[in-house]
Amino acid sequence: MKNPDLVVLKSSPSSPGEKPCFLYLRCDPNGGEEIVSVGILSSARNMEVYLGEEYCGTSRGKNVCSDPENSENEKIILYKKYLKLEPSTHACKIKVKTTSSFCPKIHTKNTEVSSKDTT
């Protein structure tokens, strides 16, 4: 049996002017690890984190730099966001919104995975 992807990025159809993208993070539930915090760097200012369909929290990003790869066409500002998950989890969904027609560039940073103590 093939294991599901551990990280998946999907865009979602929505109303004009608001284009959410979803980043799905997953640990193997039998692997003894859990996600305890999430940090991302993206062009979206805010991220919302969900454990299943249950809202967990929002992180407002801090402006850290501009994307030099696209500086000729348009200035893209990158925001750093971090959220500690309480409780820790095997899987979470991160929602980021953008006004562009594409999902924002996302780089995972400081995504903390810890081993569960089974003793």
PDB file of N, CA and C in Angstrom:
ATOM      1  N   MET A   1       0.841  -1.179   0.000  1.00  0.00           N
ATOM      2  CA  MET A   1       0.000   0.000   0.000  1.00  0.00           C
ATOM      3  C   MET A   1       0.889   1.246   0.000  1.00  0.00           C
ATOM      4  N   LYS A   2       0.582   2.189  -0.852  1.00  0.00           N
ATOM      5  CA  LYS A   2       1.367   3.411  -0.993  1.00  0.00           C
ATOM      6  C   LYS A   2       1.038   4.382   0.143  1.00  0.00           C
ATOM      7  N   ASN A   3       2.084   4.981   0.756  1.00  0.00           N
ATOM      8  CA  ASN A   3       1.880   5.972   1.808  1.00  0.00           C
ATOM      9  C   ASN A   3       1.404   7.277   1.199  1.00  0.00           C
ATOM     10  N   PRO A   4       0.480   7.989   1.875  1.00  0.00           N
ATOM     11  CA  PRO A   4       0.034   9.287   1.359  1.00  0.00           C
ATOM     12  C   PRO A   4       1.159  10.314   1.475  1.00  0.00           C
ATOM     13  N   ASP A   5       1.075  11.365   0.664  1.00  0.00           N
ATOM     14  CA  ASP A   5       2.071  12.427   0.716  1.00  0.00           C
ATOM     15  C   ASP A   5       2.068  13.065   2.095  1.00  0.00           C
ATOM     16  N   LEU A   6       3.244  13.426   2.594  1.00  0.00           N
ATOM     17  CA  LEU A   6       3.355  14.047   3.904  1.00  0.00           C
ATOM     18  C   LEU A   6       3.108  15.540   3.847  1.00  0.00           C
ATOM     19  N   VAL A   7       3.350  16.162   2.683  1.00  0.00           N
ATOM     20  CA  VAL A   7       3.091  17.596   2.491  1.00  0.00           C
ATOM     21  C   VAL A   7       2.387  17.767   1.152  1.00  0.00           C
ATOM     22  N   VAL A   8       1.228  18.444   1.162  1.00  0.00           N
ATOM     23  CA  VAL A   8       0.458  18.671  -0.053  1.00  0.00           C
ATOM     24  C   VAL A   8       0.016  20.129  -0.077  1.00  0.00           C
ATOM     25  N   LEU A   9       0.149  20.807  -1.229  1.00  0.00           N
ATOM     26  CA  LEU A   9      -0.316  22.178  -1.412  1.00  0.00           C
ATOM     27  C   LEU A   9      -1.422  22.160  -2.457  1.00  0.00           C
ATOM     28  N   LYS A  10      -2.611  22.696  -2.085  1.00  0.00           N
ATOM     29  CA  LYS A  10      -3.749  22.714  -3.002  1.00  0.00           C
ATOM     30  C   LYS A  10      -4.367  24.097  -3.015  1.00  0.00           C
ATOM     31  N   SER A  11      -4.802  24.534  -4.205  1.00  0.00           N
ATOM     32  CA  SER A  11      -5.573  25.776  -4.292  1.00  0.00           C
ATOM     33  C   SER A  11      -7.044  25.399  -4.304  1.00  0.00           C
ATOM     34  N   SER A  12      -7.880  26.371  -3.951  1.00  0.00           N
ATOM     35  CA  SER A  12      -9.304  26.110  -3.846  1.00  0.00           C
ATOM     36  C   SER A  12     -10.081  27.184  -4.585  1.00  0.00           C
ATOM     37  N   PRO A  13     -11.096  26.806  -5.371  1.00  0.00           N
ATOM     38  CA  PRO A  13     -11.919  27.836  -6.020  1.00  0.00           C
ATOM     39  C   PRO A  13     -12.694  28.608  -4.957  1.00  0.00           C
ATOM     40  N   SER A  14     -12.793  29.911  -5.146  1.00  0.00           N
ATOM     41  CA  SER A  14     -13.503  30.743  -4.168  1.00  0.00           C
ATOM     42  C   SER A  14     -13.998  32.008  -4.833  1.00  0.00           C
ATOM     43  N   SER A  15     -14.475  32.915  -4.006  1.00  0.00           N
ATOM     44  CA  SER A  15     -15.011  34.169  -4.517  1.00  0.00           C
ATOM     45  C   SER A  15     -13.898  35.039  -5.103  1.00  0.00           C
ATOM     46  N   PRO A  16     -14.235  35.955  -6.024  1.00  0.00           N
ATOM     47  CA  PRO A  16     -13.230  36.830  -6.610  1.00  0.00           C
ATOM     48  C   PRO A  16     -12.552  37.678  -5.525  1.00  0.00           C
ATOM     49  N   GLY A  17     -11.256  37.895  -5.698  1.00  0.00           N
ATOM     50  CA  GLY A  17     -10.518  38.730  -4.763  1.00  0.00           C
ATOM     51  C   GLY A  17      -9.943  37.971  -3.587  1.00  0.00           C
ATOM     52  N   GLU A  18     -10.389  36.750  -3.354  1.00  0.00           N
ATOM     53  CA  GLU A  18      -9.869  35.960  -2.246  1.00  0.00           C
ATOM     54  C   GLU A  18      -9.596  34.556  -2.744  1.00  0.00           C
ATOM     55  N   LYS A  19      -8.348  34.142  -2.711  1.00  0.00           N
ATOM     56  CA  LYS A  19      -7.961  32.848  -3.248  1.00  0.00           C
ATOM     57  C   LYS A  19      -7.202  32.060  -2.183  1.00  0.00           C
ATOM     58  N   PRO A  20      -7.920  31.260  -1.369  1.00  0.00           N
ATOM     59  CA  PRO A  20      -7.196  30.500  -0.357  1.00  0.00           C
ATOM     60  C   PRO A  20      -6.452  29.312  -0.953  1.00  0.00           C
ATOM     61  N   CYS A  21      -5.326  29.022  -0.365  1.00  0.00           N
ATOM     62  CA  CYS A  21      -4.558  27.821  -0.672  1.00  0.00           C
ATOM     63  C   CYS A  21      -4.404  27.060   0.633  1.00  0.00           C
ATOM     64  N   PHE A  22      -4.298  25.758   0.527  1.00  0.00           N
ATOM     65  CA  PHE A  22      -4.197  24.924   1.706  1.00  0.00           C
ATOM     66  C   PHE A  22      -2.917  24.102   1.650  1.00  0.00           C
ATOM     67  N   LEU A  23      -2.199  24.099   2.746  1.00  0.00           N
ATOM     68  CA  LEU A  23      -1.000  23.294   2.912  1.00  0.00           C
ATOM     69  C   LEU A  23      -1.341  22.225   3.936  1.00  0.00           C
ATOM     70  N   TYR A  24      -1.267  20.970   3.525  1.00  0.00           N
ATOM     71  CA  TYR A  24      -1.586  19.858   4.405  1.00  0.00           C
ATOM     72  C   TYR A  24      -0.293  19.216   4.877  1.00  0.00           C
ATOM     73  N   LEU A  25      -0.121  19.102   6.189  1.00  0.00           N
ATOM     74  CA  LEU A  25       1.054  18.458   6.781  1.00  0.00           C
ATOM     75  C   LEU A  25       0.587  17.211   7.517  1.00  0.00           C
ATOM     76  N   ARG A  26       1.348  16.134   7.382  1.00  0.00           N
ATOM     77  CA  ARG A  26       0.930  14.878   7.994  1.00  0.00           C
ATOM     78  C   ARG A  26       2.152  14.074   8.426  1.00  0.00           C
ATOM     79  N   CYS A  27       2.073  13.496   9.618  1.00  0.00           N
ATOM     80  CA  CYS A  27       3.060  12.527  10.099  1.00  0.00           C
ATOM     81  C   CYS A  27       2.405  11.154  10.068  1.00  0.00           C
ATOM     82  N   ASP A  28       3.211  10.142   9.945  1.00  0.00           N
ATOM     83  CA  ASP A  28       2.700   8.777  10.006  1.00  0.00           C
ATOM     84  C   ASP A  28       2.193   8.537  11.435  1.00  0.00           C
ATOM     85  N   PRO A  29       0.894   8.256  11.622  1.00  0.00           N
ATOM     86  CA  PRO A  29       0.370   8.060  12.969  1.00  0.00           C
ATOM     87  C   PRO A  29       1.015   6.891  13.711  1.00  0.00           C
ATOM     88  N   ASN A  30       1.593   5.956  12.971  1.00  0.00           N
ATOM     89  CA  ASN A  30       2.271   4.817  13.593  1.00  0.00           C
ATOM     90  C   ASN A  30       3.763   5.062  13.766  1.00  0.00           C
ATOM     91  N   GLY A  31       4.240   6.247  13.342  1.00  0.00           N
ATOM     92  CA  GLY A  31       5.666   6.541  13.401  1.00  0.00           C
ATOM     93  C   GLY A  31       6.139   7.114  14.722  1.00  0.00           C
ATOM     94  N   GLY A  32       5.229   7.436  15.629  1.00  0.00           N
ATOM     95  CA  GLY A  32       5.624   7.953  16.930  1.00  0.00           C
ATOM     96  C   GLY A  32       6.018   9.416  16.925  1.00  0.00           C
ATOM     97  N   GLU A  33       5.643  10.166  15.895  1.00  0.00           N
ATOM     98  CA  GLU A  33       5.983  11.584  15.811  1.00  0.00           C
ATOM     99  C   GLU A  33       4.718  12.417  15.700  1.00  0.00           C
ATOM    100  N   GLU A  34       4.804  13.670  16.167  1.00  0.00           N
ATOM    101  CA  GLU A  34       3.686  14.604  16.072  1.00  0.00           C
ATOM    102  C   GLU A  34       4.213  15.985  15.710  1.00  0.00           C
ATOM    103  N   ILE A  35       3.360  16.797  15.093  1.00  0.00           N
ATOM    104  CA  ILE A  35       3.684  18.181  14.766  1.00  0.00           C
ATOM    105  C   ILE A  35       3.356  19.015  15.999  1.00  0.00           C
ATOM    106  N   VAL A  36       4.333  19.763  16.504  1.00  0.00           N
ATOM    107  CA  VAL A  36       4.104  20.578  17.702  1.00  0.00           C
ATOM    108  C   VAL A  36       4.078  22.068  17.387  1.00  0.00           C
ATOM    109  N   SER A  37       4.639  22.467  16.241  1.00  0.00           N
ATOM    110  CA  SER A  37       4.577  23.868  15.821  1.00  0.00           C
ATOM    111  C   SER A  37       4.792  23.956  14.327  1.00  0.00           C
ATOM    112  N   VAL A  38       4.338  25.073  13.747  1.00  0.00           N
ATOM    113  CA  VAL A  38       4.468  25.290  12.314  1.00  0.00           C
ATOM    114  C   VAL A  38       4.982  26.694  12.088  1.00  0.00           C
ATOM    115  N   GLY A  39       5.960  26.830  11.213  1.00  0.00           N
ATOM    116  CA  GLY A  39       6.452  28.135  10.793  1.00  0.00           C
ATOM    117  C   GLY A  39       6.592  28.138   9.286  1.00  0.00           C
ATOM    118  N   ILE A  40       6.071  29.167   8.636  1.00  0.00           N
ATOM    119  CA  ILE A  40       6.207  29.248   7.186  1.00  0.00           C
ATOM    120  C   ILE A  40       6.628  30.653   6.770  1.00  0.00           C
ATOM    121  N   LEU A  41       7.242  30.719   5.620  1.00  0.00           N
ATOM    122  CA  LEU A  41       7.615  31.971   4.974  1.00  0.00           C
ATOM    123  C   LEU A  41       6.862  31.991   3.657  1.00  0.00           C
ATOM    124  N   SER A  42       5.993  32.987   3.463  1.00  0.00           N
ATOM    125  CA  SER A  42       5.204  33.035   2.232  1.00  0.00           C
ATOM    126  C   SER A  42       4.824  34.466   1.910  1.00  0.00           C
ATOM    127  N   SER A  43       4.263  34.647   0.721  1.00  0.00           N
ATOM    128  CA  SER A  43       3.800  35.973   0.319  1.00  0.00           C
ATOM    129  C   SER A  43       2.430  36.296   0.918  1.00  0.00           C
ATOM    130  N   ALA A  44       1.788  35.327   1.555  1.00  0.00           N
ATOM    131  CA  ALA A  44       0.525  35.579   2.258  1.00  0.00           C
ATOM    132  C   ALA A  44       0.849  36.104   3.652  1.00  0.00           C
ATOM    133  N   ARG A  45       0.146  37.140   4.086  1.00  0.00           N
ATOM    134  CA  ARG A  45       0.447  37.754   5.377  1.00  0.00           C
ATOM    135  C   ARG A  45      -0.004  36.903   6.562  1.00  0.00           C
ATOM    136  N   ASN A  46      -1.153  36.250   6.442  1.00  0.00           N
ATOM    137  CA  ASN A  46      -1.707  35.484   7.555  1.00  0.00           C
ATOM    138  C   ASN A  46      -1.830  34.015   7.209  1.00  0.00           C
ATOM    139  N   MET A  47      -1.824  33.177   8.248  1.00  0.00           N
ATOM    140  CA  MET A  47      -2.134  31.764   8.067  1.00  0.00           C
ATOM    141  C   MET A  47      -3.116  31.358   9.161  1.00  0.00           C
ATOM    142  N   GLU A  48      -4.028  30.490   8.798  1.00  0.00           N
ATOM    143  CA  GLU A  48      -4.951  29.892   9.753  1.00  0.00           C
ATOM    144  C   GLU A  48      -4.620  28.414   9.807  1.00  0.00           C
ATOM    145  N   VAL A  49      -4.605  27.853  11.014  1.00  0.00           N
ATOM    146  CA  VAL A  49      -4.272  26.444  11.185  1.00  0.00           C
ATOM    147  C   VAL A  49      -5.499  25.707  11.703  1.00  0.00           C
ATOM    148  N   TYR A  50      -5.750  24.546  11.110  1.00  0.00           N
ATOM    149  CA  TYR A  50      -6.887  23.702  11.476  1.00  0.00           C
ATOM    150  C   TYR A  50      -6.383  22.310  11.820  1.00  0.00           C
ATOM    151  N   LEU A  51      -6.953  21.735  12.871  1.00  0.00           N
ATOM    152  CA  LEU A  51      -6.715  20.339  13.208  1.00  0.00           C
ATOM    153  C   LEU A  51      -7.972  19.604  12.760  1.00  0.00           C
ATOM    154  N   GLY A  52      -7.891  18.912  11.648  1.00  0.00           N
ATOM    155  CA  GLY A  52      -9.090  18.382  11.004  1.00  0.00           C
ATOM    156  C   GLY A  52      -9.885  19.561  10.476  1.00  0.00           C
ATOM    157  N   GLU A  53     -11.141  19.664  10.827  1.00  0.00           N
ATOM    158  CA  GLU A  53     -11.963  20.817  10.445  1.00  0.00           C
ATOM    159  C   GLU A  53     -12.062  21.838  11.577  1.00  0.00           C
ATOM    160  N   GLU A  54     -11.428  21.547  12.708  1.00  0.00           N
ATOM    161  CA  GLU A  54     -11.498  22.429  13.873  1.00  0.00           C
ATOM    162  C   GLU A  54     -10.420  23.506  13.806  1.00  0.00           C
ATOM    163  N   TYR A  55     -10.855  24.766  13.929  1.00  0.00           N
ATOM    164  CA  TYR A  55      -9.946  25.908  13.905  1.00  0.00           C
ATOM    165  C   TYR A  55      -9.028  25.843  15.116  1.00  0.00           C
ATOM    166  N   CYS A  56      -7.728  26.036  14.888  1.00  0.00           N
ATOM    167  CA  CYS A  56      -6.734  25.969  15.961  1.00  0.00           C
ATOM    168  C   CYS A  56      -6.182  27.353  16.288  1.00  0.00           C
ATOM    169  N   GLY A  57      -5.927  28.188  15.272  1.00  0.00           N
ATOM    170  CA  GLY A  57      -5.378  29.511  15.531  1.00  0.00           C
ATOM    171  C   GLY A  57      -4.948  30.214  14.268  1.00  0.00           C
ATOM    172  N   THR A  58      -4.639  31.513  14.425  1.00  0.00           N
ATOM    173  CA  THR A  58      -4.174  32.353  13.323  1.00  0.00           C
ATOM    174  C   THR A  58      -2.832  32.958  13.694  1.00  0.00           C
ATOM    175  N   SER A  59      -1.962  33.071  12.734  1.00  0.00           N
ATOM    176  CA  SER A  59      -0.691  33.761  12.930  1.00  0.00           C
ATOM    177  C   SER A  59      -0.572  34.858  11.886  1.00  0.00           C
ATOM    178  N   ARG A  60      -0.330  36.080  12.348  1.00  0.00           N
ATOM    179  CA  ARG A  60      -0.120  37.215  11.446  1.00  0.00           C
ATOM    180  C   ARG A  60       1.382  37.325  11.193  1.00  0.00           C
ATOM    181  N   GLY A  61       1.749  37.367   9.921  1.00  0.00           N
ATOM    182  CA  GLY A  61       3.150  37.364   9.560  1.00  0.00           C
ATOM    183  C   GLY A  61       3.861  38.689   9.769  1.00  0.00           C
ATOM    184  N   LYS A  62       5.162  38.578   9.961  1.00  0.00           N
ATOM    185  CA  LYS A  62       6.026  39.748  10.053  1.00  0.00           C
ATOM    186  C   LYS A  62       6.794  39.870   8.740  1.00  0.00           C
ATOM    187  N   ASN A  63       6.824  41.067   8.187  1.00  0.00           N
ATOM    188  CA  ASN A  63       7.546  41.335   6.943  1.00  0.00           C
ATOM    189  C   ASN A  63       9.029  41.082   7.185  1.00  0.00           C
ATOM    190  N   VAL A  64       9.597  40.144   6.426  1.00  0.00           N
ATOM    191  CA  VAL A  64      11.014  39.828   6.619  1.00  0.00           C
ATOM    192  C   VAL A  64      11.886  40.164   5.422  1.00  0.00           C
ATOM    193  N   CYS A  65      11.318  40.154   4.212  1.00  0.00           N
ATOM    194  CA  CYS A  65      12.130  40.467   3.029  1.00  0.00           C
ATOM    195  C   CYS A  65      11.242  40.531   1.793  1.00  0.00           C
ATOM    196  N   SER A  66      11.857  40.907   0.681  1.00  0.00           N
ATOM    197  CA  SER A  66      11.201  40.871  -0.624  1.00  0.00           C
ATOM    198  C   SER A  66      11.806  39.734  -1.423  1.00  0.00           C
ATOM    199  N   ASP A  67      11.045  39.191  -2.347  1.00  0.00           N
ATOM    200  CA  ASP A  67      11.505  38.089  -3.183  1.00  0.00           C
ATOM    201  C   ASP A  67      12.329  38.644  -4.336  1.00  0.00           C
ATOM    202  N   PRO A  68      13.643  38.447  -4.320  1.00  0.00           N
ATOM    203  CA  PRO A  68      14.487  39.005  -5.391  1.00  0.00           C
ATOM    204  C   PRO A  68      14.283  38.359  -6.752  1.00  0.00           C
ATOM    205  N   GLU A  69      13.740  37.134  -6.803  1.00  0.00           N
ATOM    206  CA  GLU A  69      13.528  36.448  -8.085  1.00  0.00           C
ATOM    207  C   GLU A  69      12.525  37.178  -8.962  1.00  0.00           C
ATOM    208  N   ASN A  70      11.561  37.862  -8.351  1.00  0.00           N
ATOM    209  CA  ASN A  70      10.504  38.521  -9.107  1.00  0.00           C
ATOM    210  C   ASN A  70      10.596  40.038  -9.030  1.00  0.00           C
ATOM    211  N   SER A  71      11.742  40.571  -8.655  1.00  0.00           N
ATOM    212  CA  SER A  71      11.846  42.012  -8.446  1.00  0.00           C
ATOM    213  C   SER A  71      11.695  42.814  -9.736  1.00  0.00           C
ATOM    214  N   GLU A  72      11.939  42.202 -10.910  1.00  0.00           N
ATOM    215  CA  GLU A  72      11.797  42.927 -12.176  1.00  0.00           C
ATOM    216  C   GLU A  72      10.332  43.188 -12.504  1.00  0.00           C
ATOM    217  N   ASN A  73       9.467  42.191 -12.271  1.00  0.00           N
ATOM    218  CA  ASN A  73       8.060  42.299 -12.650  1.00  0.00           C
ATOM    219  C   ASN A  73       7.207  42.952 -11.576  1.00  0.00           C
ATOM    220  N   GLU A  74       7.328  42.510 -10.369  1.00  0.00           N
ATOM    221  CA  GLU A  74       6.545  43.066  -9.273  1.00  0.00           C
ATOM    222  C   GLU A  74       7.270  42.777  -7.962  1.00  0.00           C
ATOM    223  N   LYS A  75       7.026  43.611  -6.983  1.00  0.00           N
ATOM    224  CA  LYS A  75       7.638  43.410  -5.683  1.00  0.00           C
ATOM    225  C   LYS A  75       6.768  42.461  -4.872  1.00  0.00           C
ATOM    226  N   ILE A  76       7.343  41.343  -4.447  1.00  0.00           N
ATOM    227  CA  ILE A  76       6.627  40.378  -3.628  1.00  0.00           C
ATOM    228  C   ILE A  76       7.241  40.408  -2.241  1.00  0.00           C
ATOM    229  N   ILE A  77       6.428  40.725  -1.256  1.00  0.00           N
ATOM    230  CA  ILE A  77       6.886  40.793   0.125  1.00  0.00           C
ATOM    231  C   ILE A  77       6.654  39.430   0.763  1.00  0.00           C
ATOM    232  N   LEU A  78       7.654  38.953   1.495  1.00  0.00           N
ATOM    233  CA  LEU A  78       7.536  37.672   2.179  1.00  0.00           C
ATOM    234  C   LEU A  78       7.324  37.901   3.669  1.00  0.00           C
ATOM    235  N   TYR A  79       6.422  37.117   4.248  1.00  0.00           N
ATOM    236  CA  TYR A  79       6.059  37.224   5.658  1.00  0.00           C
ATOM    237  C   TYR A  79       6.381  35.923   6.381  1.00  0.00           C
ATOM    238  N   LYS A  80       6.951  36.063   7.565  1.00  0.00           N
ATOM    239  CA  LYS A  80       7.280  34.914   8.403  1.00  0.00           C
ATOM    240  C   LYS A  80       6.178  34.748   9.447  1.00  0.00           C
ATOM    241  N   LYS A  81       5.641  33.512   9.531  1.00  0.00           N
ATOM    242  CA  LYS A  81       4.566  33.210  10.465  1.00  0.00           C
ATOM    243  C   LYS A  81       4.927  31.973  11.275  1.00  0.00           C
ATOM    244  N   TYR A  82       4.483  31.936  12.531  1.00  0.00           N
ATOM    245  CA  TYR A  82       4.779  30.807  13.417  1.00  0.00           C
ATOM    246  C   TYR A  82       3.586  30.566  14.330  1.00  0.00           C
ATOM    247  N   LEU A  83       3.254  29.305  14.581  1.00  0.00           N
ATOM    248  CA  LEU A  83       2.180  28.971  15.508  1.00  0.00           C
ATOM    249  C   LEU A  83       2.516  27.666  16.219  1.00  0.00           C
ATOM    250  N   LYS A  84       2.464  27.695  17.544  1.00  0.00           N
ATOM    251  CA  LYS A  84       2.642  26.492  18.353  1.00  0.00           C
ATOM    252  C   LYS A  84       1.285  25.795  18.425  1.00  0.00           C
ATOM    253  N   LEU A  85       1.267  24.495  18.173  1.00  0.00           N
ATOM    254  CA  LEU A  85       0.026  23.731  18.175  1.00  0.00           C
ATOM    255  C   LEU A  85      -0.197  23.108  19.550  1.00  0.00           C
ATOM    256  N   GLU A  86      -1.333  23.406  20.105  1.00  0.00           N
ATOM    257  CA  GLU A  86      -1.708  22.803  21.390  1.00  0.00           C
ATOM    258  C   GLU A  86      -3.115  22.268  21.277  1.00  0.00           C
ATOM    259  N   PRO A  87      -3.297  20.985  21.262  1.00  0.00           N
ATOM    260  CA  PRO A  87      -2.302  19.939  21.461  1.00  0.00           C
ATOM    261  C   PRO A  87      -1.528  19.648  20.174  1.00  0.00           C
ATOM    262  N   SER A  88      -0.434  18.912  20.309  1.00  0.00           N
ATOM    263  CA  SER A  88       0.302  18.481  19.120  1.00  0.00           C
ATOM    264  C   SER A  88      -0.573  17.503  18.346  1.00  0.00           C
ATOM    265  N   THR A  89      -0.216  17.265  17.079  1.00  0.00           N
ATOM    266  CA  THR A  89      -1.101  16.487  16.213  1.00  0.00           C
ATOM    267  C   THR A  89      -0.308  15.692  15.178  1.00  0.00           C
ATOM    268  N   HIS A  90      -0.964  14.695  14.593  1.00  0.00           N
ATOM    269  CA  HIS A  90      -0.359  13.925  13.495  1.00  0.00           C
ATOM    270  C   HIS A  90      -0.567  14.619  12.159  1.00  0.00           C
ATOM    271  N   ALA A  91      -1.581  15.504  12.077  1.00  0.00           N
ATOM    272  CA  ALA A  91      -1.892  16.160  10.809  1.00  0.00           C
ATOM    273  C   ALA A  91      -2.544  17.512  11.067  1.00  0.00           C
ATOM    274  N   CYS A  92      -2.275  18.450  10.164  1.00  0.00           N
ATOM    275  CA  CYS A  92      -2.940  19.748  10.254  1.00  0.00           C
ATOM    276  C   CYS A  92      -3.089  20.331   8.855  1.00  0.00           C
ATOM    277  N   LYS A  93      -3.982  21.308   8.759  1.00  0.00           N
ATOM    278  CA  LYS A  93      -4.236  22.007   7.495  1.00  0.00           C
ATOM    279  C   LYS A  93      -3.939  23.474   7.742  1.00  0.00           C
ATOM    280  N   ILE A  94      -3.160  24.086   6.850  1.00  0.00           N
ATOM    281  CA  ILE A  94      -2.819  25.500   6.957  1.00  0.00           C
ATOM    282  C   ILE A  94      -3.464  26.225   5.789  1.00  0.00           C
ATOM    283  N   LYS A  95      -4.232  27.254   6.101  1.00  0.00           N
ATOM    284  CA  LYS A  95      -4.926  28.045   5.076  1.00  0.00           C
ATOM    285  C   LYS A  95      -4.226  29.387   4.951  1.00  0.00           C
ATOM    286  N   VAL A  96      -3.828  29.732   3.731  1.00  0.00           N
ATOM    287  CA  VAL A  96      -3.251  31.045   3.443  1.00  0.00           C
ATOM    288  C   VAL A  96      -4.068  31.676   2.332  1.00  0.00           C
ATOM    289  N   LYS A  97      -4.274  32.985   2.420  1.00  0.00           N
ATOM    290  CA  LYS A  97      -5.078  33.697   1.419  1.00  0.00           C
ATOM    291  C   LYS A  97      -4.189  34.646   0.643  1.00  0.00           C
ATOM    292  N   THR A  98      -4.526  34.804  -0.631  1.00  0.00           N
ATOM    293  CA  THR A  98      -3.777  35.711  -1.487  1.00  0.00           C
ATOM    294  C   THR A  98      -4.739  36.385  -2.452  1.00  0.00           C
ATOM    295  N   THR A  99      -4.359  37.557  -2.930  1.00  0.00           N
ATOM    296  CA  THR A  99      -5.183  38.246  -3.919  1.00  0.00           C
ATOM    297  C   THR A  99      -4.701  37.944  -5.334  1.00  0.00           C
ATOM    298  N   SER A 100      -3.607  37.200  -5.466  1.00  0.00           N
ATOM    299  CA  SER A 100      -3.133  36.849  -6.802  1.00  0.00           C
ATOM    300  C   SER A 100      -3.871  35.616  -7.289  1.00  0.00           C
ATOM    301  N   SER A 101      -3.667  35.263  -8.542  1.00  0.00           N
ATOM    302  CA  SER A 101      -4.357  34.113  -9.110  1.00  0.00           C
ATOM    303  C   SER A 101      -3.629  32.803  -8.826  1.00  0.00           C
ATOM    304  N   PHE A 102      -2.505  32.865  -8.131  1.00  0.00           N
ATOM    305  CA  PHE A 102      -1.730  31.671  -7.827  1.00  0.00           C
ATOM    306  C   PHE A 102      -1.557  31.535  -6.325  1.00  0.00           C
ATOM    307  N   CYS A 103      -1.306  30.304  -5.881  1.00  0.00           N
ATOM    308  CA  CYS A 103      -0.971  30.092  -4.472  1.00  0.00           C
ATOM    309  C   CYS A 103       0.319  30.862  -4.176  1.00  0.00           C
ATOM    310  N   PRO A 104       0.423  31.407  -2.972  1.00  0.00           N
ATOM    311  CA  PRO A 104       1.645  32.124  -2.638  1.00  0.00           C
ATOM    312  C   PRO A 104       2.818  31.168  -2.554  1.00  0.00           C
ATOM    313  N   LYS A 105       4.025  31.719  -2.731  1.00  0.00           N
ATOM    314  CA  LYS A 105       5.209  30.907  -2.505  1.00  0.00           C
ATOM    315  C   LYS A 105       5.248  30.569  -1.035  1.00  0.00           C
ATOM    316  N   ILE A 106       5.460  29.296  -0.723  1.00  0.00           N
ATOM    317  CA  ILE A 106       5.482  28.867   0.668  1.00  0.00           C
ATOM    318  C   ILE A 106       6.751  28.069   0.911  1.00  0.00           C
ATOM    319  N   HIS A 107       7.454  28.433   1.958  1.00  0.00           N
ATOM    320  CA  HIS A 107       8.635  27.695   2.408  1.00  0.00           C
ATOM    321  C   HIS A 107       8.364  27.325   3.855  1.00  0.00           C
ATOM    322  N   THR A 108       8.407  26.032   4.192  1.00  0.00           N
ATOM    323  CA  THR A 108       8.190  25.668   5.586  1.00  0.00           C
ATOM    324  C   THR A 108       9.467  25.984   6.362  1.00  0.00           C
ATOM    325  N   LYS A 109       9.274  26.583   7.501  1.00  0.00           N
ATOM    326  CA  LYS A 109      10.381  26.947   8.382  1.00  0.00           C
ATOM    327  C   LYS A 109      10.007  26.519   9.789  1.00  0.00           C
ATOM    328  N   ASN A 110      10.942  25.941  10.490  1.00  0.00           N
ATOM    329  CA  ASN A 110      10.759  25.613  11.901  1.00  0.00           C
ATOM    330  C   ASN A 110       9.541  24.738  12.163  1.00  0.00           C
ATOM    331  N   THR A 111       9.156  23.911  11.192  1.00  0.00           N
ATOM    332  CA  THR A 111       8.080  22.974  11.464  1.00  0.00           C
ATOM    333  C   THR A 111       8.664  21.931  12.400  1.00  0.00           C
ATOM    334  N   GLU A 112       8.173  21.933  13.613  1.00  0.00           N
ATOM    335  CA  GLU A 112       8.764  21.122  14.658  1.00  0.00           C
ATOM    336  C   GLU A 112       7.995  19.827  14.788  1.00  0.00           C
ATOM    337  N   VAL A 113       8.712  18.724  14.681  1.00  0.00           N
ATOM    338  CA  VAL A 113       8.124  17.402  14.836  1.00  0.00           C
ATOM    339  C   VAL A 113       8.847  16.750  15.996  1.00  0.00           C
ATOM    340  N   SER A 114       8.093  16.228  16.961  1.00  0.00           N
ATOM    341  CA  SER A 114       8.736  15.574  18.098  1.00  0.00           C
ATOM    342  C   SER A 114       8.281  14.139  18.180  1.00  0.00           C
ATOM    343  N   SER A 115       9.124  13.308  18.783  1.00  0.00           N
ATOM    344  CA  SER A 115       8.779  11.915  19.006  1.00  0.00           C
ATOM    345  C   SER A 115       7.893  11.810  20.225  1.00  0.00           C
ATOM    346  N   LYS A 116       6.856  10.987  20.101  1.00  0.00           N
ATOM    347  CA  LYS A 116       5.981  10.748  21.251  1.00  0.00           C
ATOM    348  C   LYS A 116       6.684   9.795  22.200  1.00  0.00           C
ATOM    349  N   ASP A 117       6.592  10.086  23.486  1.00  0.00           N
ATOM    350  CA  ASP A 117       7.141   9.203  24.480  1.00  0.00           C
ATOM    351  C   ASP A 117       6.105   8.128  24.759  1.00  0.00           C
ATOM    352  N   THR A 118       6.402   6.891  24.401  1.00  0.00           N
ATOM    353  CA  THR A 118       5.423   5.810  24.559  1.00  0.00           C
ATOM    354  C   THR A 118       5.648   5.005  25.832  1.00  0.00           C
ATOM    355  N   THR A 119       6.510   5.507  26.715  1.00  0.00           N
ATOM    356  CA  THR A 119       6.761   4.762  27.962  1.00  0.00           C
ATOM    357  C   THR A 119       5.810   5.187  29.050  1.00  0.00           C
TER     358      THR A 119
END
